[in-house]
C-alpha atoms as a PDB file:
ATOM      1  CA  MET A   1      -6.143  51.848 -21.671  1.00  0.00           C
ATOM      2  CA  PHE A   2      -4.819  48.557 -22.967  1.00  0.00           C
ATOM      3  CA  THR A   3      -3.145  45.931 -20.805  1.00  0.00           C
ATOM      4  CA  LYS A   4      -1.387  42.671 -21.504  1.00  0.00           C
ATOM      5  CA  GLN A   5      -0.265  40.063 -19.005  1.00  0.00           C
ATOM      6  CA  THR A   6       2.115  37.359 -20.195  1.00  0.00           C
ATOM      7  CA  LYS A   7       4.564  34.978 -18.572  1.00  0.00           C
ATOM      8  CA  GLN A   8       7.270  37.537 -19.367  1.00  0.00           C
ATOM      9  CA  GLY A   9       5.512  40.386 -17.530  1.00  0.00           C
ATOM     10  CA  PHE A  10       2.831  43.056 -17.479  1.00  0.00           C
ATOM     11  CA  LEU A  11       2.402  45.810 -20.061  1.00  0.00           C
ATOM     12  CA  ALA A  12       0.010  48.788 -19.951  1.00  0.00           C
ATOM     13  CA  VAL A  13      -0.627  51.388 -22.651  1.00  0.00           C
ATOM     14  CA  LEU A  14      -2.671  54.510 -21.977  1.00  0.00           C
ATOM     15  CA  VAL A  15      -3.712  56.444 -25.094  1.00  0.00           C
ATOM     16  CA  TYR A  16      -5.269  59.905 -25.125  1.00  0.00           C
ATOM     17  CA  ILE A  17      -5.705  61.509 -28.565  1.00  0.00           C
ATOM     18  CA  ASP A  18      -2.071  61.719 -29.765  1.00  0.00           C
ATOM     19  CA  ASP A  19      -0.365  61.083 -26.417  1.00  0.00           C
ATOM     20  CA  MET A  20       0.634  57.616 -25.291  1.00  0.00           C
ATOM     21  CA  LEU A  21       2.008  56.309 -22.022  1.00  0.00           C
ATOM     22  CA  ILE A  22       3.663  52.890 -22.065  1.00  0.00           C
ATOM     23  CA  THR A  23       4.639  51.176 -18.825  1.00  0.00           C
ATOM     24  CA  GLY A  24       5.228  47.733 -17.463  1.00  0.00           C
ATOM     25  CA  ASP A  25       7.445  45.567 -15.322  1.00  0.00           C
ATOM     26  CA  ASN A  26       9.598  44.240 -18.188  1.00  0.00           C
ATOM     27  CA  LEU A  27      11.795  46.650 -20.153  1.00  0.00           C
ATOM     28  CA  SER A  28      12.202  44.113 -22.950  1.00  0.00           C
ATOM     29  CA  LEU A  29       8.421  43.979 -23.521  1.00  0.00           C
ATOM     30  CA  ILE A  30       8.242  47.766 -23.515  1.00  0.00           C
ATOM     31  CA  SER A  31      11.069  47.980 -26.076  1.00  0.00           C
ATOM     32  CA  GLN A  32       9.406  45.355 -28.291  1.00  0.00           C
ATOM     33  CA  LEU A  33       6.107  47.274 -28.235  1.00  0.00           C
ATOM     34  CA  LYS A  34       7.817  50.579 -29.032  1.00  0.00           C
ATOM     35  CA  HIS A  35       9.642  48.951 -31.947  1.00  0.00           C
ATOM     36  CA  LEU A  36       6.423  47.388 -33.261  1.00  0.00           C
ATOM     37  CA  LEU A  37       4.537  50.697 -33.018  1.00  0.00           C
ATOM     38  CA  SER A  38       7.386  52.610 -34.688  1.00  0.00           C
ATOM     39  CA  THR A  39       7.124  50.375 -37.754  1.00  0.00           C
ATOM     40  CA  HIS A  40       3.536  51.609 -38.273  1.00  0.00           C
ATOM     41  CA  PHE A  41       3.540  55.125 -36.772  1.00  0.00           C
ATOM     42  CA  HIS A  42       5.887  58.049 -36.286  1.00  0.00           C
ATOM     43  CA  LEU A  43       6.769  57.994 -32.571  1.00  0.00           C
ATOM     44  CA  LYS A  44       8.658  60.383 -30.351  1.00  0.00           C
ATOM     45  CA  ASP A  45      10.018  58.808 -27.155  1.00  0.00           C
ATOM     46  CA  LEU A  46      10.157  61.452 -24.425  1.00  0.00           C
ATOM     47  CA  GLY A  47      11.856  59.151 -21.924  1.00  0.00           C
ATOM     48  CA  ALA A  48      10.791  58.831 -18.302  1.00  0.00           C
ATOM     49  CA  LEU A  49       7.369  60.253 -17.499  1.00  0.00           C
ATOM     50  CA  ARG A  50       7.468  63.862 -16.273  1.00  0.00           C
ATOM     51  CA  TYR A  51       4.160  65.345 -17.463  1.00  0.00           C
ATOM     52  CA  PHE A  52       0.998  63.708 -18.806  1.00  0.00           C
ATOM     53  CA  LEU A  53      -2.551  65.066 -19.153  1.00  0.00           C
ATOM     54  CA  GLY A  54      -2.035  67.903 -16.687  1.00  0.00           C
ATOM     55  CA  LEU A  55      -0.220  65.786 -14.112  1.00  0.00           C
ATOM     56  CA  GLU A  56       3.390  66.439 -13.171  1.00  0.00           C
ATOM     57  CA  VAL A  57       5.265  63.333 -12.073  1.00  0.00           C
ATOM     58  CA  ALA A  58       8.321  63.551  -9.813  1.00  0.00           C
ATOM     59  CA  ARG A  59      10.319  60.597  -8.555  1.00  0.00           C
ATOM     60  CA  SER A  60      12.496  60.378  -5.475  1.00  0.00           C
ATOM     61  CA  LYS A  61      13.818  57.652  -3.186  1.00  0.00           C
ATOM     62  CA  ALA A  62      10.727  58.204  -1.014  1.00  0.00           C
ATOM     63  CA  GLY A  63       8.319  57.488  -3.875  1.00  0.00           C
ATOM     64  CA  ILE A  64       6.434  59.009  -6.782  1.00  0.00           C
ATOM     65  CA  TYR A  65       4.703  62.364  -6.383  1.00  0.00           C
ATOM     66  CA  LEU A  66       1.845  63.609  -8.567  1.00  0.00           C
ATOM     67  CA  SER A  67       1.015  67.295  -8.802  1.00  0.00           C
ATOM     68  CA  GLN A  68      -1.128  69.604 -10.916  1.00  0.00           C
ATOM     69  CA  ARG A  69       0.947  72.703 -10.123  1.00  0.00           C
ATOM     70  CA  LYS A  70       1.881  73.440 -13.767  1.00  0.00           C
ATOM     71  CA  TYR A  71      -1.716  72.932 -14.895  1.00  0.00           C
ATOM     72  CA  VAL A  72      -3.013  75.377 -12.267  1.00  0.00           C
ATOM     73  CA  LEU A  73      -0.309  77.926 -13.098  1.00  0.00           C
ATOM     74  CA  ASP A  74      -1.223  77.676 -16.803  1.00  0.00           C
ATOM     75  CA  LEU A  75      -4.902  78.249 -15.929  1.00  0.00           C
ATOM     76  CA  LEU A  76      -4.015  81.297 -13.819  1.00  0.00           C
ATOM     77  CA  TYR A  77      -1.920  82.679 -16.683  1.00  0.00           C
ATOM     78  CA  GLU A  78      -4.665  82.084 -19.282  1.00  0.00           C
ATOM     79  CA  THR A  79      -7.263  83.833 -17.076  1.00  0.00           C
ATOM     80  CA  ASN A  80      -4.963  86.749 -16.216  1.00  0.00           C
ATOM     81  CA  MET A  81      -4.968  85.829 -12.523  1.00  0.00           C
ATOM     82  CA  THR A  82      -1.267  85.217 -11.904  1.00  0.00           C
ATOM     83  CA  ASN A  83      -1.189  88.111  -9.418  1.00  0.00           C
ATOM     84  CA  ALA A  84      -4.305  86.972  -7.543  1.00  0.00           C
ATOM     85  CA  LYS A  85      -3.901  86.508  -3.790  1.00  0.00           C
ATOM     86  CA  PRO A  86      -5.299  83.477  -1.949  1.00  0.00           C
ATOM     87  CA  PHE A  87      -7.968  84.067   0.665  1.00  0.00           C
ATOM     88  CA  LYS A  88      -9.788  82.073   3.268  1.00  0.00           C
ATOM     89  CA  LEU A  89     -13.362  81.220   2.470  1.00  0.00           C
ATOM     90  CA  PRO A  90     -15.834  83.151   4.602  1.00  0.00           C
ATOM     91  CA  MET A  91     -17.087  79.936   6.177  1.00  0.00           C
ATOM     92  CA  GLU A  92     -16.177  78.376   9.481  1.00  0.00           C
ATOM     93  CA  ALA A  93     -14.366  75.054   9.496  1.00  0.00           C
ATOM     94  CA  ASN A  94     -16.470  71.908   9.973  1.00  0.00           C
ATOM     95  CA  LEU A  95     -19.705  73.817   9.372  1.00  0.00           C
ATOM     96  CA  GLN A  96     -22.758  71.546   9.252  1.00  0.00           C
ATOM     97  CA  LEU A  97     -25.199  72.807   6.612  1.00  0.00           C
ATOM     98  CA  GLU A  98     -28.928  72.185   6.909  1.00  0.00           C
ATOM     99  CA  VAL A  99     -31.684  72.215   4.310  1.00  0.00           C
ATOM    100  CA  GLU A 100     -34.044  75.181   4.726  1.00  0.00           C
ATOM    101  CA  GLY A 101     -37.157  75.957   2.705  1.00  0.00           C
ATOM    102  CA  SER A 102     -38.651  73.884  -0.057  1.00  0.00           C
ATOM    103  CA  LEU A 103     -36.927  72.320  -3.033  1.00  0.00           C
ATOM    104  CA  LEU A 104     -37.267  73.891  -6.450  1.00  0.00           C
ATOM    105  CA  GLU A 105     -39.762  72.159  -8.727  1.00  0.00           C
ATOM    106  CA  GLN A 106     -37.459  72.329 -11.759  1.00  0.00           C
ATOM    107  CA  PRO A 107     -33.927  73.074 -10.555  1.00  0.00           C
END
């Protein structure tokens, strides 16, 4: 993550392998950075953030919502568990666990 604070505003760039997220409080600074980067690299602007590193981003008047629904659904699909049914864990709520026995010498 790279950040820059100037009199004109704040700019943050998050880079992960070949994905990049650019944000800030000044659209002019963001545009300048995108232009500068495009002179050195091939860029593809995907517009407003919707999905990044397994996180879905949804905006509404009430705020910004983050979810990993798509990521979990992709995992279920890859592991052939899309038809799996949820179940309650066989453990009572608020259970207080206690240590019993001796600890392993080399766990």
